[in-house]
Amino acid sequence: MIDAVTGRVRAAQDAFARISAAPLMVRAGIFVTVLAGFALAFPAEVLSGRPLGFLAVAALLPAVGPRRVWPTFAALVMVGGWLLATDGYGRPVALWRLLALAALLYLGHTLCALAALLPYDAVVDPELITRWLLRAAAVLLGTAVLGVLLLQVAGMGGESGHQWVTVLGLLLAVGTAALLGWLLRRR
């Protein structure tokens, strides 16, 4: 029994000693991105005291376990915070805040995908991470430009917003994820 515990402690120490900088920086990027998303999504009244500690733990979870359910959990908390701020606290729906929140959601998601591929002891060429982030920036820029153009064409720009569209989009995203999960299990 003692030998098994000692063996596990030594294995954990060896694994900790092999951690390289690049995977650690990607995971730190996940934490900072998700925490910034929480700060942007939630109303200022909620961002003090104990709730801030819970949000910090919720931002740490996807950084520690990017292959698990934690990135989805963090995204749902972020969207829930935005819904709380707009519906519960009467914060107006601003286009810049919505675009920034969507960008942080996507950036957190793509960083979690990258971290899920990188073992802790991986030696990574910095060019790989740079290309990954440049591709994410191109997607974000294209999406923001297209979204603003479509809003202007539809005449829905400005301060008007429809909460039911947000809820419907969230339900569609969850439904799509459930369908993809079902299809993967079916194989």
Protein backbone atom coordinates (compact mmCIF):
# COMPACT_ATOMS: atom_id res chain seq x y z
CA MET A 1 0.00 0.00 0.00
CA ILE A 2 2.73 2.46 0.98
CA ASP A 3 4.80 1.46 -2.05
CA ALA A 4 1.87 2.17 -4.37
CA VAL A 5 1.34 5.63 -2.87
CA THR A 6 5.05 6.38 -3.02
CA GLY A 7 5.14 5.26 -6.65
CA ARG A 8 2.26 7.54 -7.55
CA VAL A 9 3.86 10.50 -5.78
CA ARG A 10 7.13 9.92 -7.65
CA ALA A 11 5.27 9.60 -10.97
CA ALA A 12 3.45 12.88 -10.28
CA GLN A 13 6.76 14.58 -9.40
CA ASP A 14 8.36 13.28 -12.61
CA ALA A 15 5.39 14.46 -14.68
CA PHE A 16 5.50 17.87 -13.02
CA ALA A 17 9.23 18.17 -13.72
CA ARG A 18 8.67 17.46 -17.44
CA ILE A 19 6.11 20.24 -18.02
CA SER A 20 7.23 22.47 -20.87
CA ALA A 21 6.53 26.16 -21.35
CA ALA A 22 4.37 26.15 -24.52
CA PRO A 23 1.52 23.90 -23.26
CA LEU A 24 1.58 25.77 -19.96
CA MET A 25 1.29 29.12 -21.76
CA VAL A 26 -1.63 27.85 -23.87
CA ARG A 27 -3.42 26.79 -20.69
CA ALA A 28 -2.67 30.15 -19.08
CA GLY A 29 -4.14 31.77 -22.20
CA ILE A 30 -7.30 29.71 -21.70
CA PHE A 31 -7.60 30.90 -18.11
CA VAL A 32 -7.07 34.57 -19.02
CA THR A 33 -9.46 34.41 -22.00
CA VAL A 34 -12.26 32.74 -20.07
CA LEU A 35 -11.82 35.06 -17.08
CA ALA A 36 -11.92 38.10 -19.40
CA GLY A 37 -15.09 36.69 -20.95
CA PHE A 38 -16.65 36.36 -17.51
CA ALA A 39 -15.67 39.93 -16.65
CA LEU A 40 -17.25 41.16 -19.88
CA ALA A 41 -20.38 39.04 -19.63
CA PHE A 42 -21.37 39.42 -16.00
CA PRO A 43 -22.69 42.68 -14.53
CA ALA A 44 -20.30 44.66 -12.35
CA GLU A 45 -22.50 44.07 -9.29
CA VAL A 46 -21.77 40.33 -9.47
CA LEU A 47 -18.00 40.68 -9.92
CA SER A 48 -17.06 41.13 -6.28
CA GLY A 49 -16.46 38.90 -3.31
CA ARG A 50 -17.37 35.24 -3.39
CA PRO A 51 -18.87 35.16 -6.93
CA LEU A 52 -15.53 36.37 -8.32
CA GLY A 53 -13.81 33.42 -6.65
CA PHE A 54 -16.33 31.01 -8.16
CA LEU A 55 -15.80 32.58 -11.57
CA ALA A 56 -12.02 32.26 -11.19
CA VAL A 57 -12.40 28.55 -10.42
CA ALA A 58 -14.78 28.18 -13.38
CA ALA A 59 -12.14 29.84 -15.59
CA LEU A 60 -9.44 27.53 -14.25
CA LEU A 61 -11.37 24.33 -14.95
CA PRO A 62 -11.12 24.42 -18.79
CA ALA A 63 -7.42 25.25 -18.52
CA VAL A 64 -6.82 22.18 -16.37
CA GLY A 65 -9.17 19.83 -18.25
CA PRO A 66 -9.59 20.98 -21.85
CA ARG A 67 -10.61 17.49 -23.02
CA ARG A 68 -13.45 17.20 -20.57
CA VAL A 69 -16.78 19.01 -20.19
CA TRP A 70 -15.21 22.12 -18.63
CA PRO A 71 -14.85 24.24 -21.81
CA THR A 72 -18.57 23.75 -22.50
CA PHE A 73 -19.37 24.53 -18.88
CA ALA A 74 -17.33 27.75 -19.02
CA ALA A 75 -19.03 28.80 -22.27
CA LEU A 76 -22.47 28.20 -20.76
CA VAL A 77 -21.52 30.19 -17.64
CA MET A 78 -20.34 33.04 -19.90
CA VAL A 79 -23.57 33.04 -21.91
CA GLY A 80 -25.57 32.78 -18.69
CA GLY A 81 -23.72 35.81 -17.33
CA TRP A 82 -24.53 37.79 -20.46
CA LEU A 83 -28.20 36.80 -20.19
CA LEU A 84 -28.18 37.75 -16.50
CA ALA A 85 -26.64 41.14 -17.30
CA THR A 86 -29.05 41.97 -20.12
CA ASP A 87 -32.23 40.52 -18.67
CA GLY A 88 -31.71 40.63 -14.91
CA TYR A 89 -29.75 43.86 -14.58
CA GLY A 90 -31.09 45.72 -17.61
CA ARG A 91 -27.73 46.20 -19.35
CA PRO A 92 -28.41 47.32 -22.92
CA VAL A 93 -27.33 44.99 -25.71
CA ALA A 94 -24.31 46.70 -27.23
CA LEU A 95 -22.84 45.42 -30.46
CA TRP A 96 -19.23 45.87 -29.34
CA ARG A 97 -19.85 43.87 -26.16
CA LEU A 98 -21.64 41.13 -28.06
CA LEU A 99 -18.83 40.88 -30.64
CA ALA A 100 -16.15 40.90 -27.93
CA LEU A 101 -17.95 38.21 -25.96
CA ALA A 102 -18.35 36.06 -29.08
CA ALA A 103 -14.65 36.55 -29.84
CA LEU A 104 -13.65 35.51 -26.32
CA LEU A 105 -15.93 32.47 -26.50
CA TYR A 106 -14.35 31.39 -29.78
CA LEU A 107 -10.81 32.12 -28.62
CA GLY A 108 -11.35 30.13 -25.43
CA HIS A 109 -12.80 27.27 -27.46
CA THR A 110 -9.96 27.17 -29.96
CA LEU A 111 -7.31 27.43 -27.23
CA CYS A 112 -8.97 24.50 -25.44
CA ALA A 113 -8.83 22.53 -28.70
CA LEU A 114 -5.12 23.30 -29.00
CA ALA A 115 -4.44 22.44 -25.35
CA ALA A 116 -6.32 19.16 -25.74
CA LEU A 117 -3.86 18.17 -28.46
CA LEU A 118 -0.73 19.17 -26.54
CA PRO A 119 0.57 16.93 -23.77
CA TYR A 120 2.09 18.78 -20.84
CA ASP A 121 5.61 17.75 -21.82
CA ALA A 122 5.34 18.57 -25.54
CA VAL A 123 8.10 20.52 -27.22
CA VAL A 124 6.25 22.88 -29.52
CA ASP A 125 7.57 25.15 -32.22
CA PRO A 126 6.33 28.68 -31.43
CA GLU A 127 5.36 29.03 -35.09
CA LEU A 128 2.66 26.40 -34.60
CA ILE A 129 0.98 28.42 -31.86
CA THR A 130 1.42 31.64 -33.87
CA ARG A 131 -0.25 30.09 -36.93
CA TRP A 132 -3.05 28.70 -34.76
CA LEU A 133 -3.73 32.13 -33.24
CA LEU A 134 -3.48 33.90 -36.62
CA ARG A 135 -6.04 31.49 -38.08
CA ALA A 136 -8.32 32.16 -35.10
CA ALA A 137 -7.86 35.93 -35.57
CA ALA A 138 -8.79 35.62 -39.26
CA VAL A 139 -11.95 33.71 -38.36
CA LEU A 140 -12.86 36.30 -35.72
CA LEU A 141 -12.26 39.23 -38.07
CA GLY A 142 -14.27 37.66 -40.89
CA THR A 143 -17.12 36.79 -38.56
CA ALA A 144 -17.23 40.27 -37.02
CA VAL A 145 -17.21 42.01 -40.40
CA LEU A 146 -19.87 39.70 -41.81
CA GLY A 147 -22.01 40.03 -38.68
CA VAL A 148 -21.90 43.84 -38.72
CA LEU A 149 -22.66 43.93 -42.44
CA LEU A 150 -25.62 41.58 -42.04
CA LEU A 151 -26.96 43.64 -39.14
CA GLN A 152 -26.73 46.81 -41.21
CA VAL A 153 -28.44 45.18 -44.18
CA ALA A 154 -31.23 43.90 -41.95
CA GLY A 155 -31.58 47.31 -40.28
CA MET A 156 -31.16 45.81 -36.84
CA GLY A 157 -27.98 47.64 -35.81
CA GLY A 158 -27.75 50.06 -32.96
CA GLU A 159 -29.10 49.48 -29.50
CA SER A 160 -31.98 47.16 -30.38
CA GLY A 161 -31.61 43.50 -29.51
CA HIS A 162 -33.79 40.45 -29.32
CA GLN A 163 -33.24 38.17 -26.34
CA TRP A 164 -35.24 35.32 -27.85
CA VAL A 165 -32.72 35.14 -30.70
CA THR A 166 -29.94 34.61 -28.16
CA VAL A 167 -31.85 31.86 -26.39
CA LEU A 168 -32.74 30.23 -29.71
CA GLY A 169 -29.08 30.37 -30.79
CA LEU A 170 -28.01 28.79 -27.50
CA LEU A 171 -30.59 26.02 -27.92
CA LEU A 172 -29.42 25.40 -31.49
CA ALA A 173 -25.79 25.21 -30.34
CA VAL A 174 -26.65 22.74 -27.57
CA GLY A 175 -28.80 20.71 -29.99
CA THR A 176 -26.00 20.59 -32.53
CA ALA A 177 -23.51 19.47 -29.89
CA ALA A 178 -25.94 16.77 -28.70
CA LEU A 179 -26.49 15.58 -32.28
CA LEU A 180 -22.74 15.42 -32.93
CA GLY A 181 -22.20 13.51 -29.69
CA TRP A 182 -24.94 11.05 -30.61
CA LEU A 183 -23.45 10.55 -34.06
CA LEU A 184 -19.98 9.90 -32.59
CA ARG A 185 -21.35 7.34 -30.14
CA ARG A 186 -23.29 5.61 -32.90
CA ARG A 187 -20.09 4.64 -34.69
